[in-house]
Protein backbone atom coordinates (compact mmCIF):
# COMPACT_ATOMS: atom_id res chain seq x y z
CA UNK A 1 0.00 0.00 0.00
CA UNK A 2 1.12 3.51 -0.77
CA UNK A 3 1.33 6.01 2.04
CA UNK A 4 -0.95 9.03 1.53
CA UNK A 5 0.81 12.02 0.03
CA UNK A 6 1.49 14.75 2.60
CA UNK A 7 -0.73 17.82 2.39
CA UNK A 8 0.82 20.89 0.77
CA UNK A 9 1.87 23.43 3.40
CA UNK A 10 -0.88 25.84 2.35
CA UNK A 11 -3.50 23.15 3.11
CA UNK A 12 -2.24 22.17 6.55
CA UNK A 13 -4.71 22.80 9.39
CA UNK A 14 -4.37 25.83 11.66
CA UNK A 15 -4.78 25.17 15.38
CA UNK A 16 -5.05 27.27 18.53
CA UNK A 17 -1.87 27.62 20.53
CA UNK A 18 -1.54 27.67 24.31
CA UNK A 19 1.23 28.16 26.84
CA UNK A 20 2.12 24.50 26.23
CA UNK A 21 3.46 25.71 22.87
CA UNK A 22 5.63 28.45 24.40
CA UNK A 23 8.97 26.71 23.76
CA UNK A 24 7.99 25.88 20.17
CA UNK A 25 7.07 29.53 19.60
CA UNK A 26 10.41 30.63 21.04
CA UNK A 27 12.20 28.10 18.81
CA UNK A 28 10.44 29.67 15.83
CA UNK A 29 11.63 33.14 16.86
CA UNK A 30 15.18 31.87 17.17
CA UNK A 31 14.93 30.14 13.79
CA UNK A 32 14.25 33.54 12.18
CA UNK A 33 17.13 35.26 13.97
CA UNK A 34 14.98 36.97 16.62
CA UNK A 35 15.51 36.77 20.39
CA UNK A 36 13.73 33.73 21.82
CA UNK A 37 11.65 36.04 24.02
CA UNK A 38 9.87 33.29 25.94
CA UNK A 39 8.87 35.99 28.43
CA UNK A 40 7.01 37.95 25.75
CA UNK A 41 5.49 34.83 24.21
CA UNK A 42 4.14 33.92 27.65
CA UNK A 43 2.32 37.25 27.86
CA UNK A 44 0.99 37.03 24.31
CA UNK A 45 -0.33 33.49 24.68
CA UNK A 46 -2.12 34.36 27.93
CA UNK A 47 -3.51 37.78 26.94
CA UNK A 48 -4.24 36.90 23.30
CA UNK A 49 -5.04 33.97 21.03
CA UNK A 50 -2.21 32.10 19.36
CA UNK A 51 -2.57 30.34 16.02
CA UNK A 52 -0.10 27.86 14.57
CA UNK A 53 0.57 25.33 11.86
CA UNK A 54 2.48 22.25 12.92
CA UNK A 55 5.55 21.29 10.93
CA UNK A 56 4.63 18.22 8.85
CA UNK A 57 8.05 16.77 9.67
CA UNK A 58 7.27 16.88 13.39
CA UNK A 59 9.85 19.61 14.05
CA UNK A 60 7.71 21.92 16.18
CA UNK A 61 5.82 24.72 14.45
CA UNK A 62 6.01 25.63 10.78
CA UNK A 63 4.33 28.98 11.47
CA UNK A 64 2.70 30.94 14.27
CA UNK A 65 1.10 34.27 15.11
CA UNK A 66 -0.96 35.87 17.88
CA UNK A 67 -4.13 37.96 17.80
CA UNK A 68 -4.78 40.22 20.79
CA UNK A 69 -8.41 41.30 21.03
CA UNK A 70 -9.54 44.66 22.40
CA UNK A 71 -13.23 43.97 21.96
CA UNK A 72 -15.34 44.45 18.82
CA UNK A 73 -13.59 47.68 17.82
CA UNK A 74 -10.02 46.41 17.36
CA UNK A 75 -7.69 43.42 17.42
CA UNK A 76 -3.93 43.38 16.88
CA UNK A 77 -2.03 40.70 14.97
CA UNK A 78 1.61 40.09 15.78
CA UNK A 79 4.52 37.66 15.82
CA UNK A 80 3.71 36.35 12.35
CA UNK A 81 6.60 33.92 11.89
CA UNK A 82 7.28 31.17 9.37
CA UNK A 83 10.16 28.75 9.82
CA UNK A 84 12.99 29.50 7.41
CA UNK A 85 12.75 26.02 5.87
CA UNK A 86 9.12 26.74 4.91
CA UNK A 87 9.49 30.37 3.82
CA UNK A 88 8.06 31.67 0.54
CA UNK A 89 5.60 28.80 0.15
CA UNK A 90 2.35 30.66 0.91
CA UNK A 91 2.09 29.57 4.52
CA UNK A 92 2.02 33.13 5.94
CA UNK A 93 -0.88 34.01 3.64
CA UNK A 94 -2.68 30.82 4.71
CA UNK A 95 -2.26 31.65 8.40
CA UNK A 96 -3.18 35.32 7.98
CA UNK A 97 -6.34 34.51 6.03
CA UNK A 98 -7.38 32.16 8.84
CA UNK A 99 -6.81 34.89 11.45
CA UNK A 100 -8.83 37.38 9.39
CA UNK A 101 -11.69 34.87 9.17
CA UNK A 102 -11.52 34.36 12.94
CA UNK A 103 -11.64 38.14 13.49
CA UNK A 104 -14.81 38.46 11.42
CA UNK A 105 -15.99 42.07 11.35
CA UNK A 106 -13.50 43.27 13.97
CA UNK A 107 -10.99 45.79 12.52
CA UNK A 108 -7.36 44.69 12.63
CA UNK A 109 -4.02 46.40 13.07
CA UNK A 110 -0.45 45.15 12.83
CA UNK A 111 3.15 46.30 12.49
CA UNK A 112 4.72 44.93 9.31
CA UNK A 113 8.38 44.44 8.49
CA UNK A 114 9.56 45.43 5.03
CA UNK A 115 9.43 41.75 4.06
CA UNK A 116 5.82 41.29 5.15
CA UNK A 117 4.31 44.57 4.01
CA UNK A 118 3.56 43.43 0.45
CA UNK A 119 1.58 40.42 1.69
CA UNK A 120 -0.57 42.54 3.98
CA UNK A 121 -1.21 45.08 1.23
CA UNK A 122 -2.47 42.29 -1.02
CA UNK A 123 -4.78 41.17 1.78
CA UNK A 124 -6.29 44.66 1.98
CA UNK A 125 -4.30 46.30 4.78
CA UNK A 126 -3.49 50.01 4.46
CA UNK A 127 -0.35 51.81 5.64
CA UNK A 128 -1.25 54.41 8.31
CA UNK A 129 1.97 55.01 10.27
CA UNK A 130 5.38 53.75 11.31
CA UNK A 131 7.53 52.88 14.29
CA UNK A 132 11.28 53.44 14.44
CA UNK A 133 13.29 51.14 16.68
CA UNK A 134 16.24 52.58 18.58
CA UNK A 135 18.58 50.72 20.89
CA UNK A 136 21.79 50.95 22.87
CA UNK A 137 23.16 52.22 26.14
CA UNK A 138 21.27 55.27 27.38
CA UNK A 139 23.16 58.36 28.59
CA UNK A 140 21.19 60.50 30.99
CA UNK A 141 21.11 64.30 30.70
CA UNK A 142 23.08 66.32 33.25
CA UNK A 143 20.13 68.36 34.49
CA UNK A 144 17.27 66.60 36.30
CA UNK A 145 13.76 66.70 34.88
CA UNK A 146 11.06 68.86 36.47
CA UNK A 147 8.56 66.04 35.85
CA UNK A 148 7.89 63.88 38.92
CA UNK A 149 7.98 60.11 38.38
CA UNK A 150 7.81 57.23 40.84
CA UNK A 151 7.48 53.43 40.87
CA UNK A 152 3.91 52.34 40.21
CA UNK A 153 1.94 50.98 43.17
CA UNK A 154 -0.87 48.43 43.14
CA UNK A 155 -3.51 51.11 43.61
CA UNK A 156 -2.26 52.97 40.50
CA UNK A 157 -3.65 50.35 38.12
CA UNK A 158 -7.16 51.77 37.93
CA UNK A 159 -5.77 55.26 37.29
CA UNK A 160 -3.50 53.82 34.56
CA UNK A 161 -6.51 52.22 32.87
CA UNK A 162 -8.41 55.53 33.01
CA UNK A 163 -5.42 57.37 31.56
CA UNK A 164 -4.88 54.75 28.86
CA UNK A 165 -8.44 54.49 27.54
CA UNK A 166 -8.61 57.81 25.62
CA UNK A 167 -4.99 57.36 24.48
CA UNK A 168 -5.34 53.85 23.05
CA UNK A 169 -8.99 54.37 22.14
CA UNK A 170 -10.18 50.95 23.32
CA UNK A 171 -10.05 49.19 26.66
CA UNK A 172 -6.86 47.22 27.26
CA UNK A 173 -7.36 46.50 30.96
CA UNK A 174 -6.38 42.86 30.36
CA UNK A 175 -2.94 44.05 29.17
CA UNK A 176 -2.34 46.74 31.79
CA UNK A 177 -3.34 44.38 34.61
CA UNK A 178 -0.55 42.02 33.54
CA UNK A 179 2.17 44.70 33.47
CA UNK A 180 3.22 44.44 37.16
CA UNK A 181 4.04 40.73 36.74
CA UNK A 182 5.38 41.05 33.19
CA UNK A 183 7.69 44.03 33.64
CA UNK A 184 10.86 44.36 35.68
CA UNK A 185 9.99 48.00 36.37
CA UNK A 186 6.72 49.90 36.05
CA UNK A 187 6.74 53.66 36.57
CA UNK A 188 4.22 56.49 36.54
CA UNK A 189 4.45 60.25 36.10
CA UNK A 190 2.34 62.38 38.39
CA UNK A 191 1.29 66.00 38.83
CA UNK A 192 -0.88 67.25 41.70
CA UNK A 193 -1.88 63.70 42.54
CA UNK A 194 -2.99 62.91 38.98
CA UNK A 195 -1.23 60.47 36.65
CA UNK A 196 0.12 62.05 33.48
CA UNK A 197 1.94 59.02 32.05
CA UNK A 198 3.24 55.52 32.62
CA UNK A 199 5.86 53.20 31.16
CA UNK A 200 7.16 49.67 31.65
CA UNK A 201 10.59 48.08 31.30
CA UNK A 202 10.75 44.36 30.50
CA UNK A 203 13.47 41.83 29.58
CA UNK A 204 14.08 40.86 25.95
CA UNK A 205 17.18 38.84 25.21
CA UNK A 206 20.23 40.80 26.35
CA UNK A 207 18.27 44.06 26.31
CA UNK A 208 15.53 45.74 28.27
CA UNK A 209 12.58 46.78 26.11
CA UNK A 210 10.65 49.89 27.09
CA UNK A 211 6.91 49.97 26.41
CA UNK A 212 4.15 50.80 26.59
CA UNK A 213 5.00 54.47 26.94
CA UNK A 214 1.99 56.72 27.40
CA UNK A 215 2.65 60.34 28.33
CA UNK A 216 0.92 63.72 28.40
CA UNK A 217 3.75 65.34 26.45
CA UNK A 218 7.34 64.88 25.30
CA UNK A 219 8.82 66.16 28.57
CA UNK A 220 6.87 63.51 30.50
CA UNK A 221 7.97 60.78 28.07
CA UNK A 222 11.60 61.82 28.49
CA UNK A 223 11.32 61.77 32.28
CA UNK A 224 9.84 58.27 32.31
CA UNK A 225 12.55 56.92 29.99
CA UNK A 226 15.32 58.56 32.02
CA UNK A 227 13.99 57.14 35.29
CA UNK A 228 13.58 53.61 33.93
CA UNK A 229 16.93 53.60 32.11
CA UNK A 230 18.63 54.46 35.41
CA UNK A 231 17.46 51.11 36.84
CA UNK A 232 19.24 48.87 34.31
CA UNK A 233 22.73 48.37 32.94
CA UNK A 234 21.41 46.47 29.90
CA UNK A 235 21.03 48.06 26.47
CA UNK A 236 17.67 49.78 26.08
CA UNK A 237 15.29 49.15 23.16
CA UNK A 238 12.31 51.31 22.25
CA UNK A 239 9.87 51.13 19.31
CA UNK A 240 8.89 54.77 18.90
CA UNK A 241 5.84 56.07 17.06
CA UNK A 242 7.59 57.99 14.27
CA UNK A 243 5.21 60.94 14.65
CA UNK A 244 7.12 61.87 17.81
CA UNK A 245 10.13 63.27 15.96
CA UNK A 246 11.47 65.39 18.83
CA UNK A 247 11.35 62.46 21.24
CA UNK A 248 12.98 60.14 18.72
CA UNK A 249 15.77 62.64 18.08
CA UNK A 250 16.33 63.03 21.82
CA UNK A 251 16.74 59.26 22.25
CA UNK A 252 19.39 59.23 19.51
CA UNK A 253 21.17 62.15 21.23
CA UNK A 254 21.14 60.12 24.43
CA UNK A 255 23.05 57.27 22.76
CA UNK A 256 20.39 54.98 21.25
CA UNK A 257 21.12 54.04 17.65
CA UNK A 258 18.47 53.84 14.90
CA UNK A 259 17.52 50.32 13.90
CA UNK A 260 14.68 48.66 12.05
CA UNK A 261 11.41 50.26 10.99
CA UNK A 262 7.96 48.72 10.93
CA UNK A 263 4.90 49.93 9.05
CA UNK A 264 1.70 50.36 11.04
CA UNK A 265 -1.15 48.91 8.97
CA UNK A 266 -4.89 48.61 9.48
CA UNK A 267 -7.73 46.58 7.97
CA UNK A 268 -11.37 47.61 8.23
CA UNK A 269 -10.56 50.91 9.92
CA UNK A 270 -9.01 54.13 8.55
CA UNK A 271 -6.59 54.61 11.46
CA UNK A 272 -6.04 53.54 15.03
CA UNK A 273 -8.52 54.96 17.52
CA UNK A 274 -7.34 57.14 20.40
CA UNK A 275 -4.92 60.02 20.83
CA UNK A 276 -1.65 59.43 18.96
CA UNK A 277 -0.11 62.57 20.47
CA UNK A 278 0.15 60.74 23.83
CA UNK A 279 0.99 57.28 22.46
CA UNK A 280 4.80 57.28 22.31
CA UNK A 281 5.57 53.54 22.17
CA UNK A 282 3.56 50.29 22.14
CA UNK A 283 4.07 47.57 24.73
CA UNK A 284 5.43 45.57 21.81
CA UNK A 285 4.74 45.75 18.10
CA UNK A 286 3.01 42.38 18.54
CA UNK A 287 0.13 43.92 20.53
CA UNK A 288 -0.48 47.16 18.63
């Protein structure tokens, strides 16, 4: 008897992922030259919904991605990864179409690399913005900031959610509530007893990533970065909304070097909701 022919990659079934798949997801990141980032994958698989295609050779995952839902008004797609041995065979399109079907009428957003942007354009996504990544050892300014910042306390979480809602435009309580456990440092800016910003610092490979960064203005964003950078001797990495040119230039002056760029893209919505003037950096480009 002949063995059945294996299904083409584009016909392989897509399944839901869970934290059981965390190591396989990290292996996939490493396969594509990214940090393993098991810490970030753990957050994504608990706060969002992971989708994957098993490698037909039994070597872990052939592809994976995560969709983080913010209710009926928005969901973010991130960590779209295909194993190098299966690249350029239509598997990313197969997985993305499945995610779009799962999302239904919910608008989508994502951050696309230069390699992935063409695919998303063909699927109907529109380019609406950009993030610029900077990284390196941060050099603090000589003069202290007039903005008051302090470590976040447990009773700050509700105030952070209230501050975040008009900035992000949809409720992401399920993300903010996880920040104290996810981040190494979580800091708030305050004026007259009212929060004016917050930011988190979390481990990623040999670096510390900074995000989300929500701030009333550029001075507040600078103060939060300066305070958090003072708590680590690791290189700092920030994905900055490119609309904040002054802030981005200041980070470069402080020693962070320009790196990769990602295109912010949306589907089913003209732009992200919320107030972009106070949205300086996402938690991670995987969560929008």
